[in-house]
Protein backbone atom coordinates (compact mmCIF):
# COMPACT_ATOMS: atom_id res chain seq x y z
CA MET A 1 -21.71 -23.43 23.36
CA PRO A 2 -23.31 -23.22 19.63
CA GLU A 3 -21.98 -24.57 16.64
CA LEU A 4 -19.30 -22.02 15.48
CA SER A 5 -19.72 -19.88 11.99
CA PRO A 6 -18.10 -16.88 11.16
CA GLY A 7 -21.30 -15.13 10.58
CA ASN A 8 -22.26 -15.37 14.65
CA LEU A 9 -18.47 -14.87 15.93
CA ASN A 10 -18.06 -11.13 17.60
CA GLY A 11 -14.74 -9.33 17.39
CA TRP A 12 -13.23 -10.79 20.52
CA GLN A 13 -14.12 -14.20 19.30
CA LYS A 14 -12.28 -13.51 15.96
CA ALA A 15 -9.46 -11.92 17.84
CA ALA A 16 -8.98 -15.23 19.79
CA ILE A 17 -9.18 -17.53 17.13
CA VAL A 18 -6.67 -15.38 15.16
CA LEU A 19 -4.21 -15.94 18.50
CA ILE A 20 -4.64 -19.33 18.76
CA ALA A 21 -3.49 -19.91 15.00
CA LEU A 22 -0.58 -17.76 15.69
CA GLY A 23 0.49 -19.90 18.78
CA SER A 24 1.71 -19.51 22.10
CA GLU A 25 4.68 -17.61 22.21
CA ILE A 26 3.75 -15.39 19.22
CA SER A 27 0.44 -14.42 20.69
CA ALA A 28 2.31 -13.90 24.07
CA ARG A 29 4.06 -10.93 22.47
CA VAL A 30 1.53 -10.04 20.89
CA LEU A 31 -0.73 -9.41 24.07
CA LYS A 32 2.12 -7.91 26.10
CA LYS A 33 2.75 -5.34 23.32
CA ASN A 34 -0.68 -4.32 22.08
CA PHE A 35 -3.46 -4.84 24.72
CA SER A 36 -4.74 -3.38 28.03
CA ASP A 37 -4.26 -5.92 31.10
CA GLU A 38 -8.54 -5.64 31.00
CA GLU A 39 -8.10 -6.44 27.52
CA VAL A 40 -5.73 -9.54 27.75
CA GLU A 41 -7.87 -10.78 30.45
CA ARG A 42 -11.14 -10.78 28.27
CA LEU A 43 -9.01 -12.43 25.23
CA THR A 44 -7.87 -15.09 27.45
CA GLN A 45 -11.26 -15.90 28.69
CA GLU A 46 -12.25 -15.87 25.05
CA ILE A 47 -9.38 -18.30 24.36
CA SER A 48 -10.32 -20.88 27.24
CA LEU A 49 -14.03 -20.93 25.80
CA LEU A 50 -12.92 -21.87 22.16
CA GLU A 51 -12.87 -25.62 21.56
CA ASN A 52 -12.36 -27.46 18.35
CA VAL A 53 -12.78 -24.48 15.83
CA PRO A 54 -13.31 -25.87 12.72
CA LYS A 55 -10.63 -25.53 9.93
CA GLU A 56 -12.88 -23.53 7.79
CA VAL A 57 -13.32 -21.02 10.29
CA GLN A 58 -10.02 -20.49 10.78
CA ARG A 59 -9.48 -20.04 7.37
CA ILE A 60 -11.92 -17.11 7.06
CA VAL A 61 -11.26 -15.61 10.38
CA LEU A 62 -7.58 -15.59 9.44
CA GLU A 63 -8.28 -14.35 5.65
CA GLU A 64 -10.82 -11.62 7.08
CA PHE A 65 -7.62 -10.59 9.49
CA ALA A 66 -5.44 -10.65 6.73
CA GLN A 67 -7.14 -8.12 4.34
CA ILE A 68 -8.39 -5.75 7.16
CA SER A 69 -4.60 -5.58 8.56
CA ARG A 70 -3.93 -4.89 4.88
CA ALA A 71 -6.48 -2.17 4.55
CA ARG A 72 -5.27 -0.30 7.79
CA GLU A 73 -1.76 -0.03 6.14
CA TYR A 74 -3.53 1.24 2.66
CA LEU A 75 -5.01 4.02 4.61
CA ILE A 76 -2.31 4.39 6.60
CA GLN A 77 -0.05 4.51 3.92
CA GLY A 78 -1.99 6.71 1.17
CA GLY A 79 -5.39 7.86 2.53
CA LEU A 80 -8.79 6.33 1.79
CA ASP A 81 -8.78 6.98 -2.18
CA TYR A 82 -5.47 4.84 -2.09
CA ALA A 83 -6.76 2.38 0.34
CA ARG A 84 -9.90 1.78 -2.12
CA ASP A 85 -7.94 1.63 -5.06
CA MET A 86 -5.75 -1.06 -3.75
CA LEU A 87 -8.40 -3.48 -2.21
CA GLU A 88 -10.58 -2.77 -5.22
CA LYS A 89 -7.86 -4.24 -7.72
CA ALA A 90 -7.27 -7.05 -4.94
CA VAL A 91 -10.65 -7.98 -4.25
CA GLY A 92 -13.37 -6.32 -6.32
CA PRO A 93 -15.36 -3.15 -5.45
CA GLN A 94 -18.05 -4.58 -3.23
CA LYS A 95 -15.29 -6.57 -0.78
CA ALA A 96 -13.21 -3.64 -0.84
CA ALA A 97 -16.18 -1.70 0.41
CA GLU A 98 -17.07 -4.18 3.30
CA ILE A 99 -13.57 -4.33 4.29
CA LEU A 100 -13.16 -0.26 4.42
CA GLU A 101 -16.39 0.23 6.17
CA LYS A 102 -14.90 -1.97 9.06
CA VAL A 103 -11.28 -0.10 9.20
CA SER A 104 -12.33 3.70 8.23
CA VAL A 105 -13.50 4.46 11.78
CA SER A 106 -10.53 2.96 13.80
CA ILE A 107 -7.69 4.26 11.67
CA GLN A 108 -7.98 7.35 13.26
CA LYS A 109 -6.73 5.46 16.65
CA VAL A 110 -3.50 4.44 14.76
CA PRO A 111 -0.59 6.38 16.44
CA PHE A 112 1.23 8.59 13.89
CA ALA A 113 -0.86 7.87 10.99
CA ASN A 114 -0.23 11.10 9.37
CA LEU A 115 3.83 10.34 9.94
CA ARG A 116 3.66 7.47 7.79
CA ARG A 117 2.34 9.28 4.80
CA THR A 118 5.13 11.90 5.15
CA GLU A 119 7.78 11.34 2.53
CA PRO A 120 11.13 10.22 4.25
CA ARG A 121 13.50 13.12 3.59
CA HIS A 122 10.74 15.64 4.80
CA LEU A 123 10.28 13.19 7.57
CA PHE A 124 14.10 12.91 8.71
CA ASN A 125 14.79 17.10 8.27
CA PHE A 126 11.79 17.14 11.11
CA ILE A 127 12.79 14.41 13.51
CA LYS A 128 16.46 14.52 13.38
CA ASP A 129 16.78 17.13 16.04
CA GLU A 130 14.27 15.23 18.51
CA HIS A 131 15.32 13.47 21.63
CA PRO A 132 16.49 9.99 20.76
CA GLN A 133 13.54 8.42 23.02
CA THR A 134 11.05 10.58 20.97
CA ILE A 135 12.80 9.27 17.74
CA ALA A 136 12.82 5.54 18.95
CA LEU A 137 8.92 6.10 19.83
CA VAL A 138 7.92 7.55 16.46
CA LEU A 139 9.95 4.73 14.49
CA ASN A 140 8.20 1.97 16.34
CA TYR A 141 5.29 2.96 14.82
CA LEU A 142 6.28 3.85 11.31
CA HIS A 143 6.80 1.60 8.64
CA PRO A 144 9.42 -0.77 8.99
CA GLU A 145 11.03 0.34 5.37
CA GLN A 146 10.76 4.27 6.72
CA SER A 147 12.30 3.29 9.97
CA ALA A 148 15.28 1.98 8.34
CA MET A 149 15.44 4.98 5.66
CA LEU A 150 15.44 7.20 9.18
CA LEU A 151 17.58 4.88 11.24
CA ALA A 152 20.18 4.52 8.54
CA ALA A 153 20.36 8.61 7.84
CA LEU A 154 20.84 9.64 11.44
CA PRO A 155 24.28 10.55 12.59
CA SER A 156 26.20 7.19 13.54
CA GLU A 157 27.01 8.75 17.28
CA VAL A 158 22.53 8.57 17.45
CA GLN A 159 21.90 5.12 15.69
CA ALA A 160 22.66 2.79 18.17
CA ASP A 161 21.35 5.01 20.96
CA VAL A 162 17.90 5.27 19.16
CA ALA A 163 17.91 1.48 18.19
CA ARG A 164 18.75 0.33 22.00
CA ARG A 165 15.66 2.71 22.84
CA VAL A 166 13.56 0.74 19.98
CA ALA A 167 14.31 -2.41 21.53
CA ILE A 168 13.79 -1.91 25.00
CA ILE A 169 10.29 0.05 24.51
CA ASP A 170 7.88 -2.14 26.16
CA ARG A 171 4.49 -0.46 27.04
CA VAL A 172 3.88 3.06 26.73
CA SER A 173 0.73 4.85 27.96
CA PRO A 174 -1.86 6.14 25.42
CA GLU A 175 -1.88 9.35 26.87
CA VAL A 176 2.11 9.75 26.47
CA ILE A 177 1.97 8.80 22.62
CA LYS A 178 -1.21 11.01 22.20
CA GLU A 179 0.59 14.12 23.88
CA VAL A 180 3.72 12.99 22.03
CA GLU A 181 1.87 12.80 18.51
CA ASN A 182 0.04 16.05 18.88
CA ILE A 183 3.22 18.03 19.62
CA LEU A 184 4.93 16.53 16.63
CA GLU A 185 1.85 16.91 14.28
CA ARG A 186 1.74 20.53 15.19
CA LYS A 187 5.42 20.82 14.18
CA MET A 188 4.91 19.37 11.12
CA SER A 189 2.26 21.28 9.75
CA VAL A 190 4.66 24.09 9.96
CA ILE A 191 7.74 22.56 9.06
CA VAL A 192 6.86 19.60 6.42
CA PRO A 193 5.31 20.89 2.99
CA GLN A 194 2.45 18.79 1.83
CA ASP A 195 2.86 16.17 -0.49
CA LYS A 196 2.52 16.52 -4.38
CA SER A 197 1.30 13.15 -4.83
CA SER A 198 -1.96 13.80 -3.35
CA GLY A 199 -4.97 16.17 -4.00
CA GLY A 200 -4.60 19.00 -6.76
CA ILE A 201 -2.58 16.50 -9.19
CA LYS A 202 -4.79 13.98 -9.09
CA SER A 203 -7.28 16.48 -9.83
CA LEU A 204 -5.46 17.70 -12.96
CA VAL A 205 -4.50 14.26 -14.04
CA ASN A 206 -8.01 13.28 -14.05
CA ILE A 207 -8.37 16.35 -16.83
CA LEU A 208 -5.48 15.77 -18.41
CA ASN A 209 -6.87 12.55 -19.27
CA ARG A 210 -9.81 13.79 -21.13
CA VAL A 211 -8.08 16.48 -23.46
CA ASP A 212 -6.92 15.68 -26.68
CA ARG A 213 -3.26 14.92 -27.37
CA ALA A 214 -2.01 18.66 -28.30
CA THR A 215 -3.27 20.39 -25.32
CA GLU A 216 -1.77 17.75 -23.06
CA LYS A 217 1.43 18.09 -24.91
CA THR A 218 1.57 21.68 -24.35
CA ILE A 219 0.43 21.81 -20.84
CA LEU A 220 3.40 19.21 -19.91
CA GLU A 221 6.01 21.19 -21.96
CA GLU A 222 4.98 24.22 -20.23
CA LEU A 223 5.25 22.60 -16.55
CA GLU A 224 8.81 21.00 -17.75
CA GLY A 225 10.14 24.38 -18.25
CA SER A 226 8.83 25.94 -15.00
CA ASP A 227 8.31 22.83 -12.64
CA PRO A 228 9.90 19.48 -13.90
CA GLU A 229 9.34 17.95 -10.69
CA LEU A 230 5.49 18.43 -10.69
CA ALA A 231 5.19 17.40 -14.44
CA ASP A 232 7.40 14.11 -13.48
CA GLU A 233 4.55 13.55 -11.07
CA ILE A 234 1.73 14.31 -13.34
CA ARG A 235 3.32 12.10 -16.01
CA LYS A 236 3.42 8.73 -13.47
CA LEU A 237 -0.16 8.97 -12.58
CA MET A 238 -1.21 9.79 -16.37
CA PHE A 239 -1.30 6.26 -17.65
CA VAL A 240 -1.55 3.42 -14.72
CA PHE A 241 -0.68 -0.16 -15.04
CA GLU A 242 -4.23 -1.15 -15.04
CA ASP A 243 -5.28 1.06 -17.83
CA ILE A 244 -3.41 -1.28 -19.94
CA VAL A 245 -7.18 -2.87 -20.74
CA LYS A 246 -7.87 0.37 -22.56
CA LEU A 247 -4.86 -0.40 -25.34
CA HIS A 248 -5.50 -2.31 -28.89
CA ASP A 249 -4.26 -5.94 -28.64
CA VAL A 250 -1.86 -4.89 -31.34
CA ALA A 251 -0.38 -2.66 -28.95
CA ILE A 252 -0.22 -4.56 -25.79
CA GLN A 253 1.88 -7.32 -28.08
CA ARG A 254 4.00 -4.37 -28.95
CA VAL A 255 4.29 -3.27 -25.24
CA LEU A 256 4.75 -7.25 -24.46
CA ARG A 257 7.98 -7.40 -26.86
CA GLU A 258 9.54 -4.88 -24.67
CA VAL A 259 8.88 -5.91 -21.17
CA ASP A 260 11.22 -7.85 -19.00
CA GLN A 261 9.46 -11.07 -18.22
CA LYS A 262 10.44 -10.86 -14.39
CA ASP A 263 8.73 -7.39 -14.47
CA LEU A 264 5.59 -8.48 -16.25
CA ALA A 265 5.41 -11.69 -13.28
CA LYS A 266 5.59 -9.07 -10.38
CA ALA A 267 3.45 -6.24 -11.98
CA MET A 268 0.73 -9.28 -12.85
CA ARG A 269 1.32 -10.56 -9.20
CA GLY A 270 -0.57 -7.27 -7.64
CA SER A 271 -2.90 -6.58 -10.60
CA THR A 272 -6.06 -7.43 -11.34
CA GLU A 273 -7.94 -10.39 -13.10
CA GLU A 274 -9.08 -8.32 -16.29
CA VAL A 275 -5.75 -7.15 -16.73
CA ASN A 276 -4.21 -10.26 -16.55
CA ASN A 277 -6.47 -12.01 -18.56
CA ARG A 278 -5.82 -9.34 -21.25
CA ILE A 279 -1.91 -9.92 -21.43
CA PHE A 280 -2.17 -13.40 -21.63
CA LYS A 281 -4.76 -13.37 -24.42
CA ASN A 282 -2.10 -11.45 -26.16
CA MET A 283 1.04 -13.95 -25.71
CA SER A 284 1.40 -17.10 -27.39
CA LYS A 285 -0.24 -20.34 -25.38
CA ARG A 286 3.76 -21.55 -24.04
CA ALA A 287 4.89 -18.02 -23.15
CA ALA A 288 1.20 -17.64 -21.21
CA ASP A 289 1.86 -20.92 -19.40
CA MET A 290 5.35 -20.13 -18.59
CA LEU A 291 4.15 -16.55 -17.32
CA ARG A 292 1.92 -17.99 -14.89
CA GLU A 293 3.90 -20.80 -13.60
CA GLU A 294 6.89 -17.95 -12.99
CA ILE A 295 3.95 -15.92 -11.04
CA THR A 296 2.79 -19.22 -8.93
CA PHE A 297 6.09 -20.30 -7.72
CA MET A 298 7.73 -16.94 -7.34
CA GLY A 299 6.19 -16.63 -3.79
CA PRO A 300 5.56 -13.51 -1.75
CA VAL A 301 6.13 -10.43 -3.16
CA ARG A 302 6.50 -6.49 -1.58
CA LEU A 303 3.88 -4.32 -2.42
CA ARG A 304 6.62 -1.65 -3.57
CA ASP A 305 8.35 -4.31 -5.85
CA VAL A 306 5.25 -4.65 -7.49
CA GLU A 307 4.22 -0.96 -7.93
CA GLU A 308 7.98 -0.25 -9.39
CA ALA A 309 7.66 -3.25 -12.04
CA GLN A 310 4.32 -1.81 -12.65
CA GLN A 311 5.82 1.84 -13.20
CA ARG A 312 8.62 0.05 -15.30
CA ILE A 313 5.94 -1.08 -17.74
CA VAL A 314 4.03 2.04 -17.81
CA GLN A 315 7.08 4.24 -18.45
CA ILE A 316 7.82 1.46 -21.92
CA ILE A 317 4.10 2.17 -22.51
CA ARG A 318 4.78 5.74 -22.45
CA ARG A 319 7.54 5.67 -24.30
CA LEU A 320 5.98 3.84 -27.24
CA ASP A 321 3.28 6.33 -27.16
CA GLU A 322 5.61 9.55 -27.36
CA ALA A 323 7.29 7.68 -30.23
CA GLY A 324 4.37 7.25 -32.02
CA GLU A 325 4.28 3.56 -32.04
CA ILE A 326 1.67 2.83 -30.19
CA PHE A 327 -1.37 5.39 -29.05
CA ILE A 328 -3.27 5.97 -26.03
CA ALA A 329 -6.75 6.82 -26.35
CA ARG A 330 -7.57 10.18 -24.78
CA GLY A 331 -10.55 12.30 -24.69
CA GLY A 332 -12.39 10.13 -26.68
CA GLU A 333 -9.73 9.47 -29.29
CA ASP A 334 -9.80 6.12 -31.05
CA ALA A 335 -6.77 3.73 -30.07
CA LEU A 336 -4.50 3.29 -33.17
CA ILE A 337 -1.57 1.62 -33.85
CA LEU A 338 1.20 2.16 -36.64
């Protein structure tokens, strides 16, 4: 067998290396739950042929697997634009494009992908009257956070039954899954309203980010009177955490005086190197070193926690902007600070 290198490995070999790295017990569960008998046979054969896989090859394959898994979750959670945005923050535009090219076609095969992008409150109203077995099947394919919220919202007399069915689900034929998925999606298209966080709102935000301050204020004030929820969604998207690099250094220093350090550490954990360097630049050496240490030793952080921390900082920035203490440049305006 030729010397192993990441460049000459096919998909089966990479999958076999991942399974080897997971260990026999976990790999057995993965194979049983996710692969057909023919696929298990092929993977078993590939595993038996792999001997002395170099640690560097294992590291690269596992890193690629983690990136692709993350990309699939991003695609399922928020669609292509969301996935591209999150991946570019993590690995840069070029690497993000390579990862998306590998997963954008296969993502269509993930069961109940559309349900994953549905707001939990709408999803609960849609699924609550389904048979417990159907509910259990859907919960098995949703994000764990979504499934937990839905399970908690079910009537107490149904919860245990659904939980039991989730636990004993073994292998469901693709034909059954597809049939259930088609039925539910047809019903959902009638019952569940479209999510406001996509499509038109993003287009409007892109426009408002380029108009002058007076026009923006007038439009948002009108919307606050006629549709407060829509106005709030727009405000959340008007300035994102990564836009900090557009602020004047003095404005960043003013913002940092208001920000909780734990929020800042979490927010920077999921941000770009450019943003992080700009923040460190506007701190004292001692404060920057302490923050770097906190980021390094904080351990794994959930994406949701990172996004919530970033949003809290964005709210501080917008509050200071509205108070006139800092200025966010719009429509060609120069950034100023009083």
